Amino acid sequence: MTDPLELHTLWDDFHRVVNMTSQELAAWLRVRDADETTEPLPEQAGTPLGRHVLAILQKRRMDLTDDDVRVMRLVVDMVSGQVDPESEPEAQRTDRRHELMTIGHDPLKP
């Protein structure tokens, strides 16, 4: 398992970059996968990574698994590598925004 200090830092970093609530992320995953006539079951909506992020958001720090820690590191790296905090969000980059939202980060959210 991860060192407690490292886990504390990772927990904070993860919750900083994942700026959508679990309710917002769950709704987004359902909307993203819906088509004109159907909507997926909540537990089947979204990508496996998006569903895992959602599951982590619903956990307490003490309940994290090694796989959760791996996913948290991945998400922090993915978001940190794609987001420039100095620049304003680009409204015309809807595809990029939607991709980030599938892992819980909405670049238009303060």
PDB file of N, CA and C in Angstrom:
ATOM      1  N   MET A   1       0.847  -1.191   0.000  1.00  0.00           N
ATOM      2  CA  MET A   1       0.000   0.000   0.000  1.00  0.00           C
ATOM      3  C   MET A   1       0.887   1.248   0.000  1.00  0.00           C
ATOM      4  N   THR A   2       0.291   2.345  -0.246  1.00  0.00           N
ATOM      5  CA  THR A   2       0.973   3.622  -0.366  1.00  0.00           C
ATOM      6  C   THR A   2       1.266   4.218   1.009  1.00  0.00           C
ATOM      7  N   ASP A   3       2.379   4.928   1.102  1.00  0.00           N
ATOM      8  CA  ASP A   3       2.753   5.663   2.307  1.00  0.00           C
ATOM      9  C   ASP A   3       1.607   6.621   2.688  1.00  0.00           C
ATOM     10  N   PRO A   4       1.246   6.716   3.966  1.00  0.00           N
ATOM     11  CA  PRO A   4       0.112   7.560   4.372  1.00  0.00           C
ATOM     12  C   PRO A   4       0.245   9.028   3.957  1.00  0.00           C
ATOM     13  N   LEU A   5       1.442   9.591   4.028  1.00  0.00           N
ATOM     14  CA  LEU A   5       1.637  10.982   3.621  1.00  0.00           C
ATOM     15  C   LEU A   5       1.437  11.126   2.112  1.00  0.00           C
ATOM     16  N   GLU A   6       1.975  10.179   1.356  1.00  0.00           N
ATOM     17  CA  GLU A   6       1.800  10.188  -0.101  1.00  0.00           C
ATOM     18  C   GLU A   6       0.326  10.031  -0.464  1.00  0.00           C
ATOM     19  N   LEU A   7      -0.377   9.153   0.246  1.00  0.00           N
ATOM     20  CA  LEU A   7      -1.800   8.945  -0.005  1.00  0.00           C
ATOM     21  C   LEU A   7      -2.592  10.212   0.308  1.00  0.00           C
ATOM     22  N   HIS A   8      -2.247  10.890   1.375  1.00  0.00           N
ATOM     23  CA  HIS A   8      -2.912  12.145   1.740  1.00  0.00           C
ATOM     24  C   HIS A   8      -2.745  13.176   0.623  1.00  0.00           C
ATOM     25  N   THR A   9      -1.531  13.308   0.124  1.00  0.00           N
ATOM     26  CA  THR A   9      -1.241  14.251  -0.959  1.00  0.00           C
ATOM     27  C   THR A   9      -1.992  13.865  -2.225  1.00  0.00           C
ATOM     28  N   LEU A  10      -1.971  12.572  -2.560  1.00  0.00           N
ATOM     29  CA  LEU A  10      -2.673  12.096  -3.751  1.00  0.00           C
ATOM     30  C   LEU A  10      -4.172  12.340  -3.618  1.00  0.00           C
ATOM     31  N   TRP A  11      -4.747  12.073  -2.464  1.00  0.00           N
ATOM     32  CA  TRP A  11      -6.172  12.300  -2.213  1.00  0.00           C
ATOM     33  C   TRP A  11      -6.521  13.767  -2.482  1.00  0.00           C
ATOM     34  N   ASP A  12      -5.699  14.680  -1.940  1.00  0.00           N
ATOM     35  CA  ASP A  12      -5.933  16.107  -2.137  1.00  0.00           C
ATOM     36  C   ASP A  12      -5.787  16.490  -3.606  1.00  0.00           C
ATOM     37  N   ASP A  13      -4.746  15.990  -4.274  1.00  0.00           N
ATOM     38  CA  ASP A  13      -4.529  16.289  -5.692  1.00  0.00           C
ATOM     39  C   ASP A  13      -5.680  15.769  -6.542  1.00  0.00           C
ATOM     40  N   PHE A  14      -6.115  14.548  -6.254  1.00  0.00           N
ATOM     41  CA  PHE A  14      -7.219  13.946  -7.001  1.00  0.00           C
ATOM     42  C   PHE A  14      -8.485  14.795  -6.860  1.00  0.00           C
ATOM     43  N   HIS A  15      -8.801  15.195  -5.642  1.00  0.00           N
ATOM     44  CA  HIS A  15     -10.015  15.982  -5.426  1.00  0.00           C
ATOM     45  C   HIS A  15      -9.868  17.420  -5.918  1.00  0.00           C
ATOM     46  N   ARG A  16      -8.662  17.865  -6.144  1.00  0.00           N
ATOM     47  CA  ARG A  16      -8.448  19.186  -6.753  1.00  0.00           C
ATOM     48  C   ARG A  16      -8.714  19.108  -8.258  1.00  0.00           C
ATOM     49  N   VAL A  17      -8.204  18.074  -8.928  1.00  0.00           N
ATOM     50  CA  VAL A  17      -8.378  17.981 -10.381  1.00  0.00           C
ATOM     51  C   VAL A  17      -9.745  17.431 -10.763  1.00  0.00           C
ATOM     52  N   VAL A  18     -10.316  16.574  -9.933  1.00  0.00           N
ATOM     53  CA  VAL A  18     -11.670  16.068 -10.184  1.00  0.00           C
ATOM     54  C   VAL A  18     -12.604  17.069  -9.513  1.00  0.00           C
ATOM     55  N   ASN A  19     -13.029  18.057 -10.297  1.00  0.00           N
ATOM     56  CA  ASN A  19     -13.810  19.162  -9.734  1.00  0.00           C
ATOM     57  C   ASN A  19     -15.316  18.991  -9.930  1.00  0.00           C
ATOM     58  N   MET A  20     -15.735  17.824 -10.419  1.00  0.00           N
ATOM     59  CA  MET A  20     -17.159  17.525 -10.524  1.00  0.00           C
ATOM     60  C   MET A  20     -17.556  16.662  -9.322  1.00  0.00           C
ATOM     61  N   THR A  21     -18.750  16.862  -8.834  1.00  0.00           N
ATOM     62  CA  THR A  21     -19.241  16.016  -7.747  1.00  0.00           C
ATOM     63  C   THR A  21     -19.582  14.638  -8.314  1.00  0.00           C
ATOM     64  N   SER A  22     -19.792  13.681  -7.437  1.00  0.00           N
ATOM     65  CA  SER A  22     -20.171  12.344  -7.905  1.00  0.00           C
ATOM     66  C   SER A  22     -21.514  12.404  -8.639  1.00  0.00           C
ATOM     67  N   GLN A  23     -22.435  13.251  -8.189  1.00  0.00           N
ATOM     68  CA  GLN A  23     -23.730  13.386  -8.857  1.00  0.00           C
ATOM     69  C   GLN A  23     -23.560  13.990 -10.250  1.00  0.00           C
ATOM     70  N   GLU A  24     -22.726  15.016 -10.362  1.00  0.00           N
ATOM     71  CA  GLU A  24     -22.479  15.638 -11.668  1.00  0.00           C
ATOM     72  C   GLU A  24     -21.825  14.654 -12.629  1.00  0.00           C
ATOM     73  N   LEU A  25     -20.835  13.915 -12.144  1.00  0.00           N
ATOM     74  CA  LEU A  25     -20.143  12.954 -12.998  1.00  0.00           C
ATOM     75  C   LEU A  25     -21.088  11.834 -13.426  1.00  0.00           C
ATOM     76  N   ALA A  26     -21.882  11.301 -12.508  1.00  0.00           N
ATOM     77  CA  ALA A  26     -22.825  10.225 -12.848  1.00  0.00           C
ATOM     78  C   ALA A  26     -23.811  10.705 -13.914  1.00  0.00           C
ATOM     79  N   ALA A  27     -24.327  11.914 -13.747  1.00  0.00           N
ATOM     80  CA  ALA A  27     -25.272  12.468 -14.728  1.00  0.00           C
ATOM     81  C   ALA A  27     -24.584  12.652 -16.080  1.00  0.00           C
ATOM     82  N   TRP A  28     -23.366  13.181 -16.073  1.00  0.00           N
ATOM     83  CA  TRP A  28     -22.635  13.393 -17.323  1.00  0.00           C
ATOM     84  C   TRP A  28     -22.379  12.063 -18.040  1.00  0.00           C
ATOM     85  N   LEU A  29     -21.975  11.042 -17.324  1.00  0.00           N
ATOM     86  CA  LEU A  29     -21.696   9.753 -17.958  1.00  0.00           C
ATOM     87  C   LEU A  29     -22.970   9.187 -18.593  1.00  0.00           C
ATOM     88  N   ARG A  30     -24.108   9.353 -17.939  1.00  0.00           N
ATOM     89  CA  ARG A  30     -25.378   8.869 -18.514  1.00  0.00           C
ATOM     90  C   ARG A  30     -25.748   9.672 -19.760  1.00  0.00           C
ATOM     91  N   VAL A  31     -25.625  10.987 -19.690  1.00  0.00           N
ATOM     92  CA  VAL A  31     -25.970  11.849 -20.825  1.00  0.00           C
ATOM     93  C   VAL A  31     -25.043  11.569 -21.998  1.00  0.00           C
ATOM     94  N   ARG A  32     -23.772  11.423 -21.716  1.00  0.00           N
ATOM     95  CA  ARG A  32     -22.786  11.208 -22.775  1.00  0.00           C
ATOM     96  C   ARG A  32     -23.063   9.921 -23.534  1.00  0.00           C
ATOM     97  N   ASP A  33     -23.504   8.891 -22.852  1.00  0.00           N
ATOM     98  CA  ASP A  33     -23.748   7.600 -23.489  1.00  0.00           C
ATOM     99  C   ASP A  33     -25.174   7.427 -24.014  1.00  0.00           C
ATOM    100  N   ALA A  34     -26.036   8.379 -23.722  1.00  0.00           N
ATOM    101  CA  ALA A  34     -27.430   8.261 -24.174  1.00  0.00           C
ATOM    102  C   ALA A  34     -27.519   8.564 -25.662  1.00  0.00           C
ATOM    103  N   ASP A  35     -28.500   7.952 -26.302  1.00  0.00           N
ATOM    104  CA  ASP A  35     -28.786   8.337 -27.682  1.00  0.00           C
ATOM    105  C   ASP A  35     -30.215   8.867 -27.729  1.00  0.00           C
ATOM    106  N   GLU A  36     -30.776   9.013 -28.908  1.00  0.00           N
ATOM    107  CA  GLU A  36     -32.087   9.645 -29.033  1.00  0.00           C
ATOM    108  C   GLU A  36     -33.201   8.873 -28.348  1.00  0.00           C
ATOM    109  N   THR A  37     -33.051   7.564 -28.235  1.00  0.00           N
ATOM    110  CA  THR A  37     -34.164   6.771 -27.705  1.00  0.00           C
ATOM    111  C   THR A  37     -33.857   6.025 -26.410  1.00  0.00           C
ATOM    112  N   THR A  38     -32.596   5.876 -26.057  1.00  0.00           N
ATOM    113  CA  THR A  38     -32.266   5.101 -24.860  1.00  0.00           C
ATOM    114  C   THR A  38     -31.202   5.785 -24.026  1.00  0.00           C
ATOM    115  N   GLU A  39     -31.183   5.380 -22.777  1.00  0.00           N
ATOM    116  CA  GLU A  39     -30.149   5.838 -21.853  1.00  0.00           C
ATOM    117  C   GLU A  39     -29.608   4.593 -21.154  1.00  0.00           C
ATOM    118  N   PRO A  40     -28.276   4.493 -20.996  1.00  0.00           N
ATOM    119  CA  PRO A  40     -27.721   3.302 -20.367  1.00  0.00           C
ATOM    120  C   PRO A  40     -28.083   3.215 -18.885  1.00  0.00           C
ATOM    121  N   LEU A  41     -28.022   2.002 -18.359  1.00  0.00           N
ATOM    122  CA  LEU A  41     -28.190   1.830 -16.927  1.00  0.00           C
ATOM    123  C   LEU A  41     -27.079   2.599 -16.221  1.00  0.00           C
ATOM    124  N   PRO A  42     -27.364   3.206 -15.082  1.00  0.00           N
ATOM    125  CA  PRO A  42     -26.354   4.028 -14.407  1.00  0.00           C
ATOM    126  C   PRO A  42     -25.025   3.317 -14.190  1.00  0.00           C
ATOM    127  N   GLU A  43     -25.059   2.046 -13.800  1.00  0.00           N
ATOM    128  CA  GLU A  43     -23.797   1.338 -13.533  1.00  0.00           C
ATOM    129  C   GLU A  43     -23.054   0.938 -14.808  1.00  0.00           C
ATOM    130  N   GLN A  44     -23.672   1.159 -15.987  1.00  0.00           N
ATOM    131  CA  GLN A  44     -23.034   0.825 -17.252  1.00  0.00           C
ATOM    132  C   GLN A  44     -22.678   2.059 -18.059  1.00  0.00           C
ATOM    133  N   ALA A  45     -22.999   3.240 -17.561  1.00  0.00           N
ATOM    134  CA  ALA A  45     -22.758   4.477 -18.302  1.00  0.00           C
ATOM    135  C   ALA A  45     -21.300   4.898 -18.188  1.00  0.00           C
ATOM    136  N   GLY A  46     -20.772   5.399 -19.283  1.00  0.00           N
ATOM    137  CA  GLY A  46     -19.421   5.939 -19.285  1.00  0.00           C
ATOM    138  C   GLY A  46     -18.360   4.905 -19.578  1.00  0.00           C
ATOM    139  N   THR A  47     -17.138   5.383 -19.612  1.00  0.00           N
ATOM    140  CA  THR A  47     -15.989   4.514 -19.839  1.00  0.00           C
ATOM    141  C   THR A  47     -15.633   3.802 -18.545  1.00  0.00           C
ATOM    142  N   PRO A  48     -14.883   2.710 -18.626  1.00  0.00           N
ATOM    143  CA  PRO A  48     -14.445   2.061 -17.386  1.00  0.00           C
ATOM    144  C   PRO A  48     -13.677   3.024 -16.471  1.00  0.00           C
ATOM    145  N   LEU A  49     -12.849   3.884 -17.060  1.00  0.00           N
ATOM    146  CA  LEU A  49     -12.095   4.842 -16.247  1.00  0.00           C
ATOM    147  C   LEU A  49     -13.047   5.831 -15.574  1.00  0.00           C
ATOM    148  N   GLY A  50     -14.018   6.337 -16.311  1.00  0.00           N
ATOM    149  CA  GLY A  50     -14.994   7.264 -15.735  1.00  0.00           C
ATOM    150  C   GLY A  50     -15.789   6.631 -14.607  1.00  0.00           C
ATOM    151  N   ARG A  51     -16.186   5.372 -14.792  1.00  0.00           N
ATOM    152  CA  ARG A  51     -16.923   4.664 -13.734  1.00  0.00           C
ATOM    153  C   ARG A  51     -16.051   4.446 -12.504  1.00  0.00           C
ATOM    154  N   HIS A  52     -14.747   4.199 -12.730  1.00  0.00           N
ATOM    155  CA  HIS A  52     -13.843   3.994 -11.595  1.00  0.00           C
ATOM    156  C   HIS A  52     -13.654   5.308 -10.827  1.00  0.00           C
ATOM    157  N   VAL A  53     -13.518   6.425 -11.557  1.00  0.00           N
ATOM    158  CA  VAL A  53     -13.410   7.735 -10.901  1.00  0.00           C
ATOM    159  C   VAL A  53     -14.662   7.982 -10.059  1.00  0.00           C
ATOM    160  N   LEU A  54     -15.815   7.680 -10.620  1.00  0.00           N
ATOM    161  CA  LEU A  54     -17.070   7.856  -9.888  1.00  0.00           C
ATOM    162  C   LEU A  54     -17.083   7.008  -8.617  1.00  0.00           C
ATOM    163  N   ALA A  55     -16.624   5.775  -8.706  1.00  0.00           N
ATOM    164  CA  ALA A  55     -16.574   4.898  -7.535  1.00  0.00           C
ATOM    165  C   ALA A  55     -15.629   5.460  -6.468  1.00  0.00           C
ATOM    166  N   ILE A  56     -14.504   6.023  -6.892  1.00  0.00           N
ATOM    167  CA  ILE A  56     -13.551   6.605  -5.938  1.00  0.00           C
ATOM    168  C   ILE A  56     -14.188   7.803  -5.237  1.00  0.00           C
ATOM    169  N   LEU A  57     -14.916   8.619  -5.987  1.00  0.00           N
ATOM    170  CA  LEU A  57     -15.567   9.788  -5.382  1.00  0.00           C
ATOM    171  C   LEU A  57     -16.560   9.383  -4.300  1.00  0.00           C
ATOM    172  N   GLN A  58     -17.063   8.187  -4.372  1.00  0.00           N
ATOM    173  CA  GLN A  58     -18.055   7.724  -3.416  1.00  0.00           C
ATOM    174  C   GLN A  58     -17.431   6.969  -2.239  1.00  0.00           C
ATOM    175  N   LYS A  59     -16.094   6.938  -2.183  1.00  0.00           N
ATOM    176  CA  LYS A  59     -15.397   6.209  -1.113  1.00  0.00           C
ATOM    177  C   LYS A  59     -14.784   7.165  -0.099  1.00  0.00           C
ATOM    178  N   ARG A  60     -14.488   6.596   1.049  1.00  0.00           N
ATOM    179  CA  ARG A  60     -13.674   7.302   2.034  1.00  0.00           C
ATOM    180  C   ARG A  60     -12.215   6.936   1.771  1.00  0.00           C
ATOM    181  N   ARG A  61     -11.324   7.801   2.156  1.00  0.00           N
ATOM    182  CA  ARG A  61      -9.892   7.565   1.918  1.00  0.00           C
ATOM    183  C   ARG A  61      -9.444   6.218   2.475  1.00  0.00           C
ATOM    184  N   MET A  62      -9.947   5.834   3.641  1.00  0.00           N
ATOM    185  CA  MET A  62      -9.507   4.587   4.269  1.00  0.00           C
ATOM    186  C   MET A  62      -9.980   3.340   3.515  1.00  0.00           C
ATOM    187  N   ASP A  63     -10.933   3.515   2.589  1.00  0.00           N
ATOM    188  CA  ASP A  63     -11.475   2.374   1.853  1.00  0.00           C
ATOM    189  C   ASP A  63     -10.838   2.174   0.475  1.00  0.00           C
ATOM    190  N   LEU A  64      -9.840   2.993   0.148  1.00  0.00           N
ATOM    191  CA  LEU A  64      -9.209   2.901  -1.171  1.00  0.00           C
ATOM    192  C   LEU A  64      -8.424   1.601  -1.330  1.00  0.00           C
ATOM    193  N   THR A  65      -8.477   1.068  -2.539  1.00  0.00           N
ATOM    194  CA  THR A  65      -7.685  -0.112  -2.880  1.00  0.00           C
ATOM    195  C   THR A  65      -6.435   0.334  -3.634  1.00  0.00           C
ATOM    196  N   ASP A  66      -5.523  -0.596  -3.846  1.00  0.00           N
ATOM    197  CA  ASP A  66      -4.326  -0.282  -4.644  1.00  0.00           C
ATOM    198  C   ASP A  66      -4.725   0.138  -6.061  1.00  0.00           C
ATOM    199  N   ASP A  67      -5.759  -0.497  -6.615  1.00  0.00           N
ATOM    200  CA  ASP A  67      -6.228  -0.139  -7.948  1.00  0.00           C
ATOM    201  C   ASP A  67      -6.800   1.283  -7.959  1.00  0.00           C
ATOM    202  N   ASP A  68      -7.503   1.669  -6.893  1.00  0.00           N
ATOM    203  CA  ASP A  68      -8.013   3.040  -6.777  1.00  0.00           C
ATOM    204  C   ASP A  68      -6.852   4.037  -6.785  1.00  0.00           C
ATOM    205  N   VAL A  69      -5.812   3.727  -6.045  1.00  0.00           N
ATOM    206  CA  VAL A  69      -4.636   4.615  -5.969  1.00  0.00           C
ATOM    207  C   VAL A  69      -4.006   4.750  -7.345  1.00  0.00           C
ATOM    208  N   ARG A  70      -3.915   3.640  -8.074  1.00  0.00           N
ATOM    209  CA  ARG A  70      -3.355   3.671  -9.437  1.00  0.00           C
ATOM    210  C   ARG A  70      -4.196   4.581 -10.332  1.00  0.00           C
ATOM    211  N   VAL A  71      -5.511   4.449 -10.263  1.00  0.00           N
ATOM    212  CA  VAL A  71      -6.404   5.265 -11.085  1.00  0.00           C
ATOM    213  C   VAL A  71      -6.320   6.735 -10.676  1.00  0.00           C
ATOM    214  N   MET A  72      -6.229   6.996  -9.385  1.00  0.00           N
ATOM    215  CA  MET A  72      -6.107   8.377  -8.923  1.00  0.00           C
ATOM    216  C   MET A  72      -4.845   9.026  -9.477  1.00  0.00           C
ATOM    217  N   ARG A  73      -3.734   8.304  -9.451  1.00  0.00           N
ATOM    218  CA  ARG A  73      -2.478   8.840 -10.022  1.00  0.00           C
ATOM    219  C   ARG A  73      -2.643   9.114 -11.511  1.00  0.00           C
ATOM    220  N   LEU A  74      -3.256   8.168 -12.211  1.00  0.00           N
ATOM    221  CA  LEU A  74      -3.470   8.317 -13.648  1.00  0.00           C
ATOM    222  C   LEU A  74      -4.309   9.550 -13.951  1.00  0.00           C
ATOM    223  N   VAL A  75      -5.395   9.742 -13.233  1.00  0.00           N
ATOM    224  CA  VAL A  75      -6.284  10.879 -13.465  1.00  0.00           C
ATOM    225  C   VAL A  75      -5.577  12.196 -13.153  1.00  0.00           C
ATOM    226  N   VAL A  76      -4.855  12.254 -12.057  1.00  0.00           N
ATOM    227  CA  VAL A  76      -4.112  13.475 -11.718  1.00  0.00           C
ATOM    228  C   VAL A  76      -3.114  13.791 -12.834  1.00  0.00           C
ATOM    229  N   ASP A  77      -2.397  12.795 -13.323  1.00  0.00           N
ATOM    230  CA  ASP A  77      -1.432  13.004 -14.409  1.00  0.00           C
ATOM    231  C   ASP A  77      -2.129  13.435 -15.697  1.00  0.00           C
ATOM    232  N   MET A  78      -3.241  12.787 -16.022  1.00  0.00           N
ATOM    233  CA  MET A  78      -3.966  13.125 -17.261  1.00  0.00           C
ATOM    234  C   MET A  78      -4.473  14.557 -17.224  1.00  0.00           C
ATOM    235  N   VAL A  79      -5.114  14.944 -16.146  1.00  0.00           N
ATOM    236  CA  VAL A  79      -5.683  16.287 -16.058  1.00  0.00           C
ATOM    237  C   VAL A  79      -4.569  17.322 -15.981  1.00  0.00           C
ATOM    238  N   SER A  80      -3.560  17.075 -15.167  1.00  0.00           N
ATOM    239  CA  SER A  80      -2.464  18.029 -15.022  1.00  0.00           C
ATOM    240  C   SER A  80      -1.735  18.232 -16.347  1.00  0.00           C
ATOM    241  N   GLY A  81      -1.636  17.191 -17.141  1.00  0.00           N
ATOM    242  CA  GLY A  81      -0.959  17.280 -18.428  1.00  0.00           C
ATOM    243  C   GLY A  81      -1.765  17.980 -19.505  1.00  0.00           C
ATOM    244  N   GLN A  82      -3.082  18.112 -19.325  1.00  0.00           N
ATOM    245  CA  GLN A  82      -3.929  18.708 -20.352  1.00  0.00           C
ATOM    246  C   GLN A  82      -4.486  20.076 -19.990  1.00  0.00           C
ATOM    247  N   VAL A  83      -4.339  20.479 -18.741  1.00  0.00           N
ATOM    248  CA  VAL A  83      -4.956  21.720 -18.291  1.00  0.00           C
ATOM    249  C   VAL A  83      -3.877  22.734 -17.955  1.00  0.00           C
ATOM    250  N   ASP A  84      -4.029  23.926 -18.527  1.00  0.00           N
ATOM    251  CA  ASP A  84      -3.124  25.028 -18.227  1.00  0.00           C
ATOM    252  C   ASP A  84      -3.863  26.004 -17.328  1.00  0.00           C
ATOM    253  N   PRO A  85      -3.524  26.031 -16.033  1.00  0.00           N
ATOM    254  CA  PRO A  85      -4.272  26.881 -15.103  1.00  0.00           C
ATOM    255  C   PRO A  85      -4.154  28.367 -15.395  1.00  0.00           C
ATOM    256  N   GLU A  86      -3.155  28.770 -16.173  1.00  0.00           N
ATOM    257  CA  GLU A  86      -2.963  30.183 -16.490  1.00  0.00           C
ATOM    258  C   GLU A  86      -3.859  30.657 -17.622  1.00  0.00           C
ATOM    259  N   SER A  87      -4.298  29.751 -18.479  1.00  0.00           N
ATOM    260  CA  SER A  87      -5.121  30.169 -19.608  1.00  0.00           C
ATOM    261  C   SER A  87      -6.591  29.942 -19.299  1.00  0.00           C
ATOM    262  N   GLU A  88      -7.424  30.740 -19.915  1.00  0.00           N
ATOM    263  CA  GLU A  88      -8.857  30.593 -19.706  1.00  0.00           C
ATOM    264  C   GLU A  88      -9.359  29.402 -20.512  1.00  0.00           C
ATOM    265  N   PRO A  89     -10.396  28.749 -20.050  1.00  0.00           N
ATOM    266  CA  PRO A  89     -10.962  27.622 -20.795  1.00  0.00           C
ATOM    267  C   PRO A  89     -11.408  28.063 -22.184  1.00  0.00           C
ATOM    268  N   GLU A  90     -11.219  27.192 -23.135  1.00  0.00           N
ATOM    269  CA  GLU A  90     -11.580  27.506 -24.499  1.00  0.00           C
ATOM    270  C   GLU A  90     -12.943  26.903 -24.802  1.00  0.00           C
ATOM    271  N   ALA A  91     -13.938  27.772 -24.967  1.00  0.00           N
ATOM    272  CA  ALA A  91     -15.299  27.309 -25.200  1.00  0.00           C
ATOM    273  C   ALA A  91     -15.416  26.515 -26.502  1.00  0.00           C
ATOM    274  N   GLN A  92     -14.604  26.858 -27.496  1.00  0.00           N
ATOM    275  CA  GLN A  92     -14.709  26.172 -28.777  1.00  0.00           C
ATOM    276  C   GLN A  92     -14.098  24.771 -28.747  1.00  0.00           C
ATOM    277  N   ARG A  93     -13.435  24.394 -27.696  1.00  0.00           N
ATOM    278  CA  ARG A  93     -12.822  23.073 -27.589  1.00  0.00           C
ATOM    279  C   ARG A  93     -13.745  22.111 -26.848  1.00  0.00           C
ATOM    280  N   THR A  94     -14.978  22.015 -27.309  1.00  0.00           N
ATOM    281  CA  THR A  94     -15.988  21.192 -26.657  1.00  0.00           C
ATOM    282  C   THR A  94     -15.544  19.742 -26.545  1.00  0.00           C
ATOM    283  N   ASP A  95     -14.919  19.203 -27.591  1.00  0.00           N
ATOM    284  CA  ASP A  95     -14.496  17.802 -27.559  1.00  0.00           C
ATOM    285  C   ASP A  95     -13.485  17.561 -26.444  1.00  0.00           C
ATOM    286  N   ARG A  96     -12.541  18.471 -26.274  1.00  0.00           N
ATOM    287  CA  ARG A  96     -11.536  18.351 -25.208  1.00  0.00           C
ATOM    288  C   ARG A  96     -12.199  18.442 -23.837  1.00  0.00           C
ATOM    289  N   ARG A  97     -13.134  19.375 -23.700  1.00  0.00           N
ATOM    290  CA  ARG A  97     -13.854  19.533 -22.428  1.00  0.00           C
ATOM    291  C   ARG A  97     -14.618  18.251 -22.105  1.00  0.00           C
ATOM    292  N   HIS A  98     -15.332  17.713 -23.073  1.00  0.00           N
ATOM    293  CA  HIS A  98     -16.123  16.502 -22.836  1.00  0.00           C
ATOM    294  C   HIS A  98     -15.242  15.313 -22.489  1.00  0.00           C
ATOM    295  N   GLU A  99     -14.077  15.224 -23.105  1.00  0.00           N
ATOM    296  CA  GLU A  99     -13.134  14.141 -22.783  1.00  0.00           C
ATOM    297  C   GLU A  99     -12.685  14.242 -21.328  1.00  0.00           C
ATOM    298  N   LEU A 100     -12.345  15.442 -20.890  1.00  0.00           N
ATOM    299  CA  LEU A 100     -11.932  15.638 -19.496  1.00  0.00           C
ATOM    300  C   LEU A 100     -13.086  15.403 -18.529  1.00  0.00           C
ATOM    301  N   MET A 101     -14.282  15.748 -18.942  1.00  0.00           N
ATOM    302  CA  MET A 101     -15.442  15.557 -18.069  1.00  0.00           C
ATOM    303  C   MET A 101     -15.714  14.074 -17.822  1.00  0.00           C
ATOM    304  N   THR A 102     -15.316  13.202 -18.738  1.00  0.00           N
ATOM    305  CA  THR A 102     -15.540  11.769 -18.519  1.00  0.00           C
ATOM    306  C   THR A 102     -14.702  11.227 -17.373  1.00  0.00           C
ATOM    307  N   ILE A 103     -13.682  11.991 -16.952  1.00  0.00           N
ATOM    308  CA  ILE A 103     -12.886  11.587 -15.790  1.00  0.00           C
ATOM    309  C   ILE A 103     -13.074  12.566 -14.621  1.00  0.00           C
ATOM    310  N   GLY A 104     -14.130  13.377 -14.707  1.00  0.00           N
ATOM    311  CA  GLY A 104     -14.509  14.206 -13.566  1.00  0.00           C
ATOM    312  C   GLY A 104     -13.947  15.601 -13.515  1.00  0.00           C
ATOM    313  N   HIS A 105     -13.325  16.065 -14.621  1.00  0.00           N
ATOM    314  CA  HIS A 105     -12.771  17.426 -14.616  1.00  0.00           C
ATOM    315  C   HIS A 105     -13.483  18.270 -15.659  1.00  0.00           C
ATOM    316  N   ASP A 106     -14.160  19.311 -15.205  1.00  0.00           N
ATOM    317  CA  ASP A 106     -14.803  20.260 -16.121  1.00  0.00           C
ATOM    318  C   ASP A 106     -13.950  21.520 -16.162  1.00  0.00           C
ATOM    319  N   PRO A 107     -13.243  21.753 -17.284  1.00  0.00           N
ATOM    320  CA  PRO A 107     -12.359  22.925 -17.368  1.00  0.00           C
ATOM    321  C   PRO A 107     -13.094  24.264 -17.308  1.00  0.00           C
ATOM    322  N   LEU A 108     -14.398  24.270 -17.519  1.00  0.00           N
ATOM    323  CA  LEU A 108     -15.146  25.523 -17.444  1.00  0.00           C
ATOM    324  C   LEU A 108     -15.633  25.818 -16.026  1.00  0.00           C
ATOM    325  N   LYS A 109     -15.444  24.856 -15.129  1.00  0.00           N
ATOM    326  CA  LYS A 109     -15.881  25.026 -13.747  1.00  0.00           C
ATOM    327  C   LYS A 109     -14.748  25.688 -12.950  1.00  0.00           C
ATOM    328  N   PRO A 110     -15.096  26.723 -12.162  1.00  0.00           N
ATOM    329  CA  PRO A 110     -14.031  27.398 -11.391  1.00  0.00           C
ATOM    330  C   PRO A 110     -13.434  26.532 -10.312  1.00  0.00           C
TER     331      PRO A 110
END
